[in-house]
């Protein structure tokens, strides 16, 4: 059973904007995390004890992986935003073209 649906270009634009906002917010949070949890800050937090070298290294690696992973998520949000925005634009163009066909038929 097939159901009909309608894409509202304005609502798609709002959805794209929401993804874009989340992408920027996440990218900003990742940059702040990276500044606060960089290798130097982690080394300062654990000190120079020989026993802490392995733990420090683990935390440095974990922080770097988090920055990489969350940065990738922010880029994916940007990509979704762009795809939805493109879809909204295409929907608007299709609606305008269809409206033009109806207007042309009224002559």
PDB file of N, CA and C in Angstrom:
ATOM      1  N   UNK A   1       0.839  -1.167   0.000  1.00  0.00           N
ATOM      2  CA  UNK A   1       0.000   0.000   0.000  1.00  0.00           C
ATOM      3  C   UNK A   1       0.888   1.234   0.000  1.00  0.00           C
ATOM      4  N   UNK A   2       0.676   2.079  -0.964  1.00  0.00           N
ATOM      5  CA  UNK A   2       1.494   3.286  -1.060  1.00  0.00           C
ATOM      6  C   UNK A   2       0.724   4.481  -0.514  1.00  0.00           C
ATOM      7  N   UNK A   3       1.453   5.321   0.212  1.00  0.00           N
ATOM      8  CA  UNK A   3       0.843   6.514   0.782  1.00  0.00           C
ATOM      9  C   UNK A   3       1.423   7.742   0.107  1.00  0.00           C
ATOM     10  N   UNK A   4       0.603   8.745  -0.088  1.00  0.00           N
ATOM     11  CA  UNK A   4       1.073  10.005  -0.660  1.00  0.00           C
ATOM     12  C   UNK A   4       1.652  10.874   0.442  1.00  0.00           C
ATOM     13  N   UNK A   5       2.605  11.685   0.068  1.00  0.00           N
ATOM     14  CA  UNK A   5       3.164  12.615   1.031  1.00  0.00           C
ATOM     15  C   UNK A   5       3.578  13.874   0.298  1.00  0.00           C
ATOM     16  N   UNK A   6       3.757  14.926   1.049  1.00  0.00           N
ATOM     17  CA  UNK A   6       4.147  16.212   0.500  1.00  0.00           C
ATOM     18  C   UNK A   6       5.354  16.720   1.261  1.00  0.00           C
ATOM     19  N   UNK A   7       6.356  17.178   0.521  1.00  0.00           N
ATOM     20  CA  UNK A   7       7.533  17.778   1.142  1.00  0.00           C
ATOM     21  C   UNK A   7       7.344  19.282   1.206  1.00  0.00           C
ATOM     22  N   UNK A   8       7.431  19.818   2.387  1.00  0.00           N
ATOM     23  CA  UNK A   8       7.346  21.267   2.560  1.00  0.00           C
ATOM     24  C   UNK A   8       8.769  21.812   2.554  1.00  0.00           C
ATOM     25  N   UNK A   9       9.117  22.530   1.500  1.00  0.00           N
ATOM     26  CA  UNK A   9      10.480  23.038   1.339  1.00  0.00           C
ATOM     27  C   UNK A   9      10.898  23.917   2.518  1.00  0.00           C
ATOM     28  N   UNK A  10       9.962  24.671   3.054  1.00  0.00           N
ATOM     29  CA  UNK A  10      10.272  25.542   4.192  1.00  0.00           C
ATOM     30  C   UNK A  10      10.653  24.714   5.417  1.00  0.00           C
ATOM     31  N   UNK A  11       9.883  23.661   5.663  1.00  0.00           N
ATOM     32  CA  UNK A  11      10.192  22.802   6.804  1.00  0.00           C
ATOM     33  C   UNK A  11      11.513  22.055   6.596  1.00  0.00           C
ATOM     34  N   UNK A  12      11.778  21.659   5.355  1.00  0.00           N
ATOM     35  CA  UNK A  12      13.066  21.028   5.071  1.00  0.00           C
ATOM     36  C   UNK A  12      14.204  22.012   5.329  1.00  0.00           C
ATOM     37  N   UNK A  13      13.999  23.264   4.946  1.00  0.00           N
ATOM     38  CA  UNK A  13      15.010  24.294   5.209  1.00  0.00           C
ATOM     39  C   UNK A  13      15.249  24.477   6.701  1.00  0.00           C
ATOM     40  N   UNK A  14      14.183  24.418   7.487  1.00  0.00           N
ATOM     41  CA  UNK A  14      14.326  24.532   8.935  1.00  0.00           C
ATOM     42  C   UNK A  14      15.081  23.339   9.512  1.00  0.00           C
ATOM     43  N   UNK A  15      14.788  22.151   8.982  1.00  0.00           N
ATOM     44  CA  UNK A  15      15.496  20.954   9.427  1.00  0.00           C
ATOM     45  C   UNK A  15      16.980  21.056   9.071  1.00  0.00           C
ATOM     46  N   UNK A  16      17.265  21.516   7.869  1.00  0.00           N
ATOM     47  CA  UNK A  16      18.661  21.705   7.455  1.00  0.00           C
ATOM     48  C   UNK A  16      19.348  22.706   8.377  1.00  0.00           C
ATOM     49  N   UNK A  17      18.652  23.773   8.719  1.00  0.00           N
ATOM     50  CA  UNK A  17      19.204  24.772   9.628  1.00  0.00           C
ATOM     51  C   UNK A  17      19.496  24.189  11.001  1.00  0.00           C
ATOM     52  N   UNK A  18      18.618  23.307  11.466  1.00  0.00           N
ATOM     53  CA  UNK A  18      18.831  22.675  12.774  1.00  0.00           C
ATOM     54  C   UNK A  18      20.083  21.802  12.748  1.00  0.00           C
ATOM     55  N   UNK A  19      20.268  21.032  11.670  1.00  0.00           N
ATOM     56  CA  UNK A  19      21.481  20.217  11.558  1.00  0.00           C
ATOM     57  C   UNK A  19      22.717  21.097  11.468  1.00  0.00           C
ATOM     58  N   UNK A  20      22.618  22.192  10.728  1.00  0.00           N
ATOM     59  CA  UNK A  20      23.756  23.104  10.598  1.00  0.00           C
ATOM     60  C   UNK A  20      24.121  23.708  11.948  1.00  0.00           C
ATOM     61  N   UNK A  21      23.117  24.116  12.704  1.00  0.00           N
ATOM     62  CA  UNK A  21      23.358  24.676  14.043  1.00  0.00           C
ATOM     63  C   UNK A  21      24.028  23.643  14.939  1.00  0.00           C
ATOM     64  N   UNK A  22      23.520  22.399  14.907  1.00  0.00           N
ATOM     65  CA  UNK A  22      24.118  21.349  15.745  1.00  0.00           C
ATOM     66  C   UNK A  22      25.559  21.070  15.306  1.00  0.00           C
ATOM     67  N   UNK A  23      25.810  21.108  14.007  1.00  0.00           N
ATOM     68  CA  UNK A  23      27.172  20.875  13.505  1.00  0.00           C
ATOM     69  C   UNK A  23      28.114  21.948  14.031  1.00  0.00           C
ATOM     70  N   UNK A  24      27.693  23.213  13.960  1.00  0.00           N
ATOM     71  CA  UNK A  24      28.540  24.301  14.456  1.00  0.00           C
ATOM     72  C   UNK A  24      28.727  24.219  15.965  1.00  0.00           C
ATOM     73  N   UNK A  25      27.655  23.915  16.688  1.00  0.00           N
ATOM     74  CA  UNK A  25      27.750  23.791  18.146  1.00  0.00           C
ATOM     75  C   UNK A  25      28.709  22.670  18.537  1.00  0.00           C
ATOM     76  N   UNK A  26      28.579  21.527  17.867  1.00  0.00           N
ATOM     77  CA  UNK A  26      29.444  20.391  18.178  1.00  0.00           C
ATOM     78  C   UNK A  26      30.890  20.693  17.813  1.00  0.00           C
ATOM     79  N   UNK A  27      31.111  21.295  16.657  1.00  0.00           N
ATOM     80  CA  UNK A  27      32.479  21.642  16.245  1.00  0.00           C
ATOM     81  C   UNK A  27      33.106  22.599  17.255  1.00  0.00           C
ATOM     82  N   UNK A  28      32.334  23.548  17.738  1.00  0.00           N
ATOM     83  CA  UNK A  28      32.831  24.491  18.737  1.00  0.00           C
ATOM     84  C   UNK A  28      33.162  23.782  20.049  1.00  0.00           C
ATOM     85  N   UNK A  29      32.285  22.871  20.461  1.00  0.00           N
ATOM     86  CA  UNK A  29      32.530  22.120  21.699  1.00  0.00           C
ATOM     87  C   UNK A  29      33.768  21.231  21.561  1.00  0.00           C
ATOM     88  N   UNK A  30      33.968  20.642  20.386  1.00  0.00           N
ATOM     89  CA  UNK A  30      35.137  19.795  20.162  1.00  0.00           C
ATOM     90  C   UNK A  30      36.410  20.632  20.250  1.00  0.00           C
ATOM     91  N   UNK A  31      36.384  21.841  19.661  1.00  0.00           N
ATOM     92  CA  UNK A  31      37.564  22.715  19.738  1.00  0.00           C
ATOM     93  C   UNK A  31      37.861  23.095  21.190  1.00  0.00           C
ATOM     94  N   UNK A  32      36.822  23.401  21.948  1.00  0.00           N
ATOM     95  CA  UNK A  32      37.020  23.750  23.354  1.00  0.00           C
ATOM     96  C   UNK A  32      37.566  22.554  24.136  1.00  0.00           C
ATOM     97  N   UNK A  33      37.034  21.374  23.857  1.00  0.00           N
ATOM     98  CA  UNK A  33      37.527  20.163  24.516  1.00  0.00           C
ATOM     99  C   UNK A  33      38.991  19.926  24.161  1.00  0.00           C
ATOM    100  N   UNK A  34      39.310  20.105  22.888  1.00  0.00           N
ATOM    101  CA  UNK A  34      40.677  19.879  22.427  1.00  0.00           C
ATOM    102  C   UNK A  34      41.656  20.830  23.114  1.00  0.00           C
ATOM    103  N   UNK A  35      41.235  22.093  23.284  1.00  0.00           N
ATOM    104  CA  UNK A  35      42.103  23.056  23.992  1.00  0.00           C
ATOM    105  C   UNK A  35      42.294  22.658  25.449  1.00  0.00           C
ATOM    106  N   UNK A  36      41.227  22.183  26.071  1.00  0.00           N
ATOM    107  CA  UNK A  36      41.288  21.856  27.499  1.00  0.00           C
ATOM    108  C   UNK A  36      41.832  20.480  27.806  1.00  0.00           C
ATOM    109  N   UNK A  37      41.838  19.597  26.809  1.00  0.00           N
ATOM    110  CA  UNK A  37      42.262  18.219  27.066  1.00  0.00           C
ATOM    111  C   UNK A  37      43.381  17.801  26.116  1.00  0.00           C
ATOM    112  N   UNK A  38      44.201  18.753  25.747  1.00  0.00           N
ATOM    113  CA  UNK A  38      45.342  18.439  24.896  1.00  0.00           C
ATOM    114  C   UNK A  38      46.404  17.687  25.657  1.00  0.00           C
ATOM    115  N   UNK A  39      47.371  17.185  24.942  1.00  0.00           N
ATOM    116  CA  UNK A  39      48.436  16.383  25.551  1.00  0.00           C
ATOM    117  C   UNK A  39      49.146  17.152  26.662  1.00  0.00           C
ATOM    118  N   UNK A  40      49.397  18.434  26.449  1.00  0.00           N
ATOM    119  CA  UNK A  40      50.104  19.218  27.461  1.00  0.00           C
ATOM    120  C   UNK A  40      49.294  19.322  28.756  1.00  0.00           C
ATOM    121  N   UNK A  41      47.998  19.573  28.614  1.00  0.00           N
ATOM    122  CA  UNK A  41      47.151  19.688  29.801  1.00  0.00           C
ATOM    123  C   UNK A  41      47.053  18.347  30.531  1.00  0.00           C
ATOM    124  N   UNK A  42      46.980  17.270  29.771  1.00  0.00           N
ATOM    125  CA  UNK A  42      46.897  15.944  30.405  1.00  0.00           C
ATOM    126  C   UNK A  42      48.208  15.622  31.126  1.00  0.00           C
ATOM    127  N   UNK A  43      49.329  15.927  30.482  1.00  0.00           N
ATOM    128  CA  UNK A  43      50.624  15.695  31.141  1.00  0.00           C
ATOM    129  C   UNK A  43      50.724  16.520  32.418  1.00  0.00           C
ATOM    130  N   UNK A  44      50.273  17.766  32.373  1.00  0.00           N
ATOM    131  CA  UNK A  44      50.297  18.614  33.563  1.00  0.00           C
ATOM    132  C   UNK A  44      49.434  18.020  34.670  1.00  0.00           C
ATOM    133  N   UNK A  45      48.307  17.438  34.288  1.00  0.00           N
ATOM    134  CA  UNK A  45      47.395  16.870  35.275  1.00  0.00           C
ATOM    135  C   UNK A  45      47.949  15.643  35.968  1.00  0.00           C
ATOM    136  N   UNK A  46      48.691  14.832  35.253  1.00  0.00           N
ATOM    137  CA  UNK A  46      49.233  13.607  35.847  1.00  0.00           C
ATOM    138  C   UNK A  46      50.617  13.797  36.438  1.00  0.00           C
ATOM    139  N   UNK A  47      51.286  14.839  36.053  1.00  0.00           N
ATOM    140  CA  UNK A  47      52.624  15.075  36.599  1.00  0.00           C
ATOM    141  C   UNK A  47      53.671  14.249  35.878  1.00  0.00           C
ATOM    142  N   UNK A  48      54.836  14.208  36.481  1.00  0.00           N
ATOM    143  CA  UNK A  48      55.977  13.569  35.844  1.00  0.00           C
ATOM    144  C   UNK A  48      56.380  12.255  36.496  1.00  0.00           C
ATOM    145  N   UNK A  49      55.504  11.662  37.260  1.00  0.00           N
ATOM    146  CA  UNK A  49      55.826  10.392  37.893  1.00  0.00           C
ATOM    147  C   UNK A  49      56.006   9.310  36.833  1.00  0.00           C
ATOM    148  N   UNK A  50      56.979   8.481  37.025  1.00  0.00           N
ATOM    149  CA  UNK A  50      57.242   7.402  36.078  1.00  0.00           C
ATOM    150  C   UNK A  50      56.021   6.506  35.915  1.00  0.00           C
ATOM    151  N   UNK A  51      55.354   6.240  37.027  1.00  0.00           N
ATOM    152  CA  UNK A  51      54.188   5.360  37.001  1.00  0.00           C
ATOM    153  C   UNK A  51      53.033   5.952  36.194  1.00  0.00           C
ATOM    154  N   UNK A  52      53.010   7.262  36.060  1.00  0.00           N
ATOM    155  CA  UNK A  52      51.879   7.890  35.379  1.00  0.00           C
ATOM    156  C   UNK A  52      52.062   7.976  33.865  1.00  0.00           C
ATOM    157  N   UNK A  53      53.233   7.611  33.357  1.00  0.00           N
ATOM    158  CA  UNK A  53      53.494   7.743  31.919  1.00  0.00           C
ATOM    159  C   UNK A  53      52.514   6.923  31.081  1.00  0.00           C
ATOM    160  N   UNK A  54      52.256   5.690  31.493  1.00  0.00           N
ATOM    161  CA  UNK A  54      51.341   4.840  30.722  1.00  0.00           C
ATOM    162  C   UNK A  54      49.914   5.365  30.793  1.00  0.00           C
ATOM    163  N   UNK A  55      49.497   5.777  31.983  1.00  0.00           N
ATOM    164  CA  UNK A  55      48.151   6.340  32.146  1.00  0.00           C
ATOM    165  C   UNK A  55      48.017   7.623  31.347  1.00  0.00           C
ATOM    166  N   UNK A  56      49.031   8.468  31.416  1.00  0.00           N
ATOM    167  CA  UNK A  56      49.015   9.724  30.670  1.00  0.00           C
ATOM    168  C   UNK A  56      48.894   9.453  29.181  1.00  0.00           C
ATOM    169  N   UNK A  57      49.655   8.525  28.677  1.00  0.00           N
ATOM    170  CA  UNK A  57      49.625   8.169  27.262  1.00  0.00           C
ATOM    171  C   UNK A  57      48.238   7.673  26.859  1.00  0.00           C
ATOM    172  N   UNK A  58      47.625   6.863  27.723  1.00  0.00           N
ATOM    173  CA  UNK A  58      46.284   6.356  27.451  1.00  0.00           C
ATOM    174  C   UNK A  58      45.274   7.494  27.369  1.00  0.00           C
ATOM    175  N   UNK A  59      45.353   8.434  28.303  1.00  0.00           N
ATOM    176  CA  UNK A  59      44.435   9.563  28.294  1.00  0.00           C
ATOM    177  C   UNK A  59      44.663  10.469  27.080  1.00  0.00           C
ATOM    178  N   UNK A  60      45.903  10.670  26.695  1.00  0.00           N
ATOM    179  CA  UNK A  60      46.210  11.478  25.509  1.00  0.00           C
ATOM    180  C   UNK A  60      45.592  10.823  24.277  1.00  0.00           C
ATOM    181  N   UNK A  61      45.762   9.504  24.150  1.00  0.00           N
ATOM    182  CA  UNK A  61      45.184   8.770  23.018  1.00  0.00           C
ATOM    183  C   UNK A  61      43.663   8.842  23.028  1.00  0.00           C
ATOM    184  N   UNK A  62      43.072   8.671  24.198  1.00  0.00           N
ATOM    185  CA  UNK A  62      41.615   8.728  24.324  1.00  0.00           C
ATOM    186  C   UNK A  62      41.089  10.101  23.927  1.00  0.00           C
ATOM    187  N   UNK A  63      41.734  11.152  24.399  1.00  0.00           N
ATOM    188  CA  UNK A  63      41.305  12.511  24.059  1.00  0.00           C
ATOM    189  C   UNK A  63      41.414  12.749  22.555  1.00  0.00           C
ATOM    190  N   UNK A  64      42.504  12.276  21.952  1.00  0.00           N
ATOM    191  CA  UNK A  64      42.682  12.451  20.504  1.00  0.00           C
ATOM    192  C   UNK A  64      41.609  11.692  19.735  1.00  0.00           C
ATOM    193  N   UNK A  65      41.276  10.494  20.174  1.00  0.00           N
ATOM    194  CA  UNK A  65      40.224   9.712  19.516  1.00  0.00           C
ATOM    195  C   UNK A  65      38.858  10.381  19.661  1.00  0.00           C
ATOM    196  N   UNK A  66      38.610  10.960  20.827  1.00  0.00           N
ATOM    197  CA  UNK A  66      37.337  11.663  21.034  1.00  0.00           C
ATOM    198  C   UNK A  66      37.242  12.865  20.109  1.00  0.00           C
ATOM    199  N   UNK A  67      38.318  13.626  19.993  1.00  0.00           N
ATOM    200  CA  UNK A  67      38.329  14.790  19.100  1.00  0.00           C
ATOM    201  C   UNK A  67      38.084  14.342  17.665  1.00  0.00           C
ATOM    202  N   UNK A  68      38.743  13.273  17.258  1.00  0.00           N
ATOM    203  CA  UNK A  68      38.575  12.776  15.892  1.00  0.00           C
ATOM    204  C   UNK A  68      37.141  12.286  15.657  1.00  0.00           C
ATOM    205  N   UNK A  69      36.618  11.502  16.579  1.00  0.00           N
ATOM    206  CA  UNK A  69      35.267  10.957  16.431  1.00  0.00           C
ATOM    207  C   UNK A  69      34.189  12.021  16.444  1.00  0.00           C
ATOM    208  N   UNK A  70      34.259  12.925  17.405  1.00  0.00           N
ATOM    209  CA  UNK A  70      33.249  13.980  17.491  1.00  0.00           C
ATOM    210  C   UNK A  70      33.381  14.986  16.348  1.00  0.00           C
ATOM    211  N   UNK A  71      34.612  15.219  15.906  1.00  0.00           N
ATOM    212  CA  UNK A  71      34.814  16.072  14.731  1.00  0.00           C
ATOM    213  C   UNK A  71      34.175  15.452  13.499  1.00  0.00           C
ATOM    214  N   UNK A  72      34.312  14.136  13.365  1.00  0.00           N
ATOM    215  CA  UNK A  72      33.666  13.422  12.254  1.00  0.00           C
ATOM    216  C   UNK A  72      32.147  13.521  12.332  1.00  0.00           C
ATOM    217  N   UNK A  73      31.606  13.433  13.532  1.00  0.00           N
ATOM    218  CA  UNK A  73      30.158  13.571  13.703  1.00  0.00           C
ATOM    219  C   UNK A  73      29.699  14.967  13.303  1.00  0.00           C
ATOM    220  N   UNK A  74      30.456  15.988  13.680  1.00  0.00           N
ATOM    221  CA  UNK A  74      30.108  17.358  13.289  1.00  0.00           C
ATOM    222  C   UNK A  74      30.122  17.493  11.764  1.00  0.00           C
ATOM    223  N   UNK A  75      31.112  16.883  11.109  1.00  0.00           N
ATOM    224  CA  UNK A  75      31.160  16.933   9.638  1.00  0.00           C
ATOM    225  C   UNK A  75      29.976  16.193   9.014  1.00  0.00           C
ATOM    226  N   UNK A  76      29.551  15.099   9.651  1.00  0.00           N
ATOM    227  CA  UNK A  76      28.380  14.375   9.147  1.00  0.00           C
ATOM    228  C   UNK A  76      27.116  15.222   9.292  1.00  0.00           C
ATOM    229  N   UNK A  77      26.989  15.930  10.413  1.00  0.00           N
ATOM    230  CA  UNK A  77      25.848  16.840  10.590  1.00  0.00           C
ATOM    231  C   UNK A  77      25.836  17.895   9.487  1.00  0.00           C
ATOM    232  N   UNK A  78      27.020  18.431   9.163  1.00  0.00           N
ATOM    233  CA  UNK A  78      27.113  19.414   8.078  1.00  0.00           C
ATOM    234  C   UNK A  78      26.664  18.807   6.758  1.00  0.00           C
ATOM    235  N   UNK A  79      27.086  17.571   6.500  1.00  0.00           N
ATOM    236  CA  UNK A  79      26.712  16.906   5.251  1.00  0.00           C
ATOM    237  C   UNK A  79      25.205  16.665   5.182  1.00  0.00           C
ATOM    238  N   UNK A  80      24.611  16.248   6.293  1.00  0.00           N
ATOM    239  CA  UNK A  80      23.158  16.043   6.327  1.00  0.00           C
ATOM    240  C   UNK A  80      22.454  17.370   6.094  1.00  0.00           C
ATOM    241  N   UNK A  81      22.935  18.427   6.736  1.00  0.00           N
ATOM    242  CA  UNK A  81      22.349  19.752   6.543  1.00  0.00           C
ATOM    243  C   UNK A  81      22.368  20.146   5.078  1.00  0.00           C
ATOM    244  N   UNK A  82      23.508  19.959   4.432  1.00  0.00           N
ATOM    245  CA  UNK A  82      23.632  20.328   3.021  1.00  0.00           C
ATOM    246  C   UNK A  82      22.716  19.480   2.148  1.00  0.00           C
ATOM    247  N   UNK A  83      22.633  18.184   2.421  1.00  0.00           N
ATOM    248  CA  UNK A  83      21.774  17.303   1.630  1.00  0.00           C
ATOM    249  C   UNK A  83      20.301  17.681   1.785  1.00  0.00           C
ATOM    250  N   UNK A  84      19.886  17.975   3.006  1.00  0.00           N
ATOM    251  CA  UNK A  84      18.487  18.363   3.228  1.00  0.00           C
ATOM    252  C   UNK A  84      18.210  19.716   2.570  1.00  0.00           C
ATOM    253  N   UNK A  85      19.165  20.633   2.661  1.00  0.00           N
ATOM    254  CA  UNK A  85      18.999  21.942   2.014  1.00  0.00           C
ATOM    255  C   UNK A  85      18.891  21.776   0.504  1.00  0.00           C
ATOM    256  N   UNK A  86      19.713  20.920  -0.082  1.00  0.00           N
ATOM    257  CA  UNK A  86      19.633  20.654  -1.523  1.00  0.00           C
ATOM    258  C   UNK A  86      18.277  20.060  -1.884  1.00  0.00           C
ATOM    259  N   UNK A  87      17.792  19.147  -1.042  1.00  0.00           N
ATOM    260  CA  UNK A  87      16.490  18.540  -1.278  1.00  0.00           C
ATOM    261  C   UNK A  87      15.387  19.593  -1.205  1.00  0.00           C
ATOM    262  N   UNK A  88      15.483  20.501  -0.251  1.00  0.00           N
ATOM    263  CA  UNK A  88      14.491  21.573  -0.126  1.00  0.00           C
ATOM    264  C   UNK A  88      14.493  22.447  -1.375  1.00  0.00           C
ATOM    265  N   UNK A  89      15.691  22.785  -1.842  1.00  0.00           N
ATOM    266  CA  UNK A  89      15.808  23.609  -3.049  1.00  0.00           C
ATOM    267  C   UNK A  89      15.219  22.879  -4.260  1.00  0.00           C
ATOM    268  N   UNK A  90      15.526  21.593  -4.397  1.00  0.00           N
ATOM    269  CA  UNK A  90      14.990  20.808  -5.509  1.00  0.00           C
ATOM    270  C   UNK A  90      13.472  20.690  -5.428  1.00  0.00           C
ATOM    271  N   UNK A  91      12.950  20.529  -4.217  1.00  0.00           N
ATOM    272  CA  UNK A  91      11.494  20.449  -4.039  1.00  0.00           C
ATOM    273  C   UNK A  91      10.827  21.754  -4.445  1.00  0.00           C
ATOM    274  N   UNK A  92      11.428  22.860  -4.050  1.00  0.00           N
ATOM    275  CA  UNK A  92      10.881  24.163  -4.435  1.00  0.00           C
ATOM    276  C   UNK A  92      10.875  24.336  -5.946  1.00  0.00           C
ATOM    277  N   UNK A  93      11.969  23.973  -6.585  1.00  0.00           N
ATOM    278  CA  UNK A  93      12.057  24.085  -8.045  1.00  0.00           C
ATOM    279  C   UNK A  93      11.019  23.200  -8.729  1.00  0.00           C
ATOM    280  N   UNK A  94      10.842  21.988  -8.225  1.00  0.00           N
ATOM    281  CA  UNK A  94       9.840  21.086  -8.800  1.00  0.00           C
ATOM    282  C   UNK A  94       8.438  21.638  -8.601  1.00  0.00           C
ATOM    283  N   UNK A  95       8.160  22.174  -7.413  1.00  0.00           N
ATOM    284  CA  UNK A  95       6.845  22.775  -7.160  1.00  0.00           C
ATOM    285  C   UNK A  95       6.595  23.964  -8.079  1.00  0.00           C
ATOM    286  N   UNK A  96       7.616  24.804  -8.254  1.00  0.00           N
ATOM    287  CA  UNK A  96       7.479  25.970  -9.136  1.00  0.00           C
ATOM    288  C   UNK A  96       7.246  25.532 -10.581  1.00  0.00           C
ATOM    289  N   UNK A  97       7.956  24.504 -11.008  1.00  0.00           N
ATOM    290  CA  UNK A  97       7.788  24.009 -12.379  1.00  0.00           C
ATOM    291  C   UNK A  97       6.389  23.443 -12.573  1.00  0.00           C
ATOM    292  N   UNK A  98       5.899  22.701 -11.594  1.00  0.00           N
ATOM    293  CA  UNK A  98       4.551  22.141 -11.677  1.00  0.00           C
ATOM    294  C   UNK A  98       3.511  23.249 -11.685  1.00  0.00           C
ATOM    295  N   UNK A  99       3.703  24.255 -10.838  1.00  0.00           N
ATOM    296  CA  UNK A  99       2.774  25.398 -10.817  1.00  0.00           C
ATOM    297  C   UNK A  99       2.787  26.104 -12.169  1.00  0.00           C
ATOM    298  N   UNK A 100       3.961  26.230 -12.779  1.00  0.00           N
ATOM    299  CA  UNK A 100       4.069  26.845 -14.089  1.00  0.00           C
ATOM    300  C   UNK A 100       3.299  26.063 -15.145  1.00  0.00           C
ATOM    301  N   UNK A 101       3.302  24.753 -15.043  1.00  0.00           N
ATOM    302  CA  UNK A 101       2.539  23.927 -15.988  1.00  0.00           C
ATOM    303  C   UNK A 101       1.047  24.195 -15.859  1.00  0.00           C
ATOM    304  N   UNK A 102       0.574  24.302 -14.619  1.00  0.00           N
ATOM    305  CA  UNK A 102      -0.849  24.574 -14.395  1.00  0.00           C
ATOM    306  C   UNK A 102      -1.224  25.966 -14.871  1.00  0.00           C
ATOM    307  N   UNK A 103      -0.365  26.924 -14.610  1.00  0.00           N
ATOM    308  CA  UNK A 103      -0.626  28.294 -15.047  1.00  0.00           C
ATOM    309  C   UNK A 103      -0.636  28.382 -16.564  1.00  0.00           C
ATOM    310  N   UNK A 104       0.250  27.671 -17.199  1.00  0.00           N
ATOM    311  CA  UNK A 104       0.316  27.652 -18.663  1.00  0.00           C
ATOM    312  C   UNK A 104      -0.913  27.021 -19.277  1.00  0.00           C
ATOM    313  N   UNK A 105      -1.535  26.094 -18.612  1.00  0.00           N
ATOM    314  CA  UNK A 105      -2.719  25.412 -19.127  1.00  0.00           C
ATOM    315  C   UNK A 105      -3.988  26.235 -19.010  1.00  0.00           C
ATOM    316  N   UNK A 106      -3.974  27.335 -18.255  1.00  0.00           N
ATOM    317  CA  UNK A 106      -5.176  28.151 -18.043  1.00  0.00           C
ATOM    318  C   UNK A 106      -5.398  29.170 -19.148  1.00  0.00           C
ATOM    319  N   UNK A 107      -4.456  29.342 -20.065  1.00  0.00           N
ATOM    320  CA  UNK A 107      -4.593  30.373 -21.086  1.00  0.00           C
ATOM    321  C   UNK A 107      -5.793  30.239 -21.921  1.00  0.00           C
TER     322      UNK A 107
END
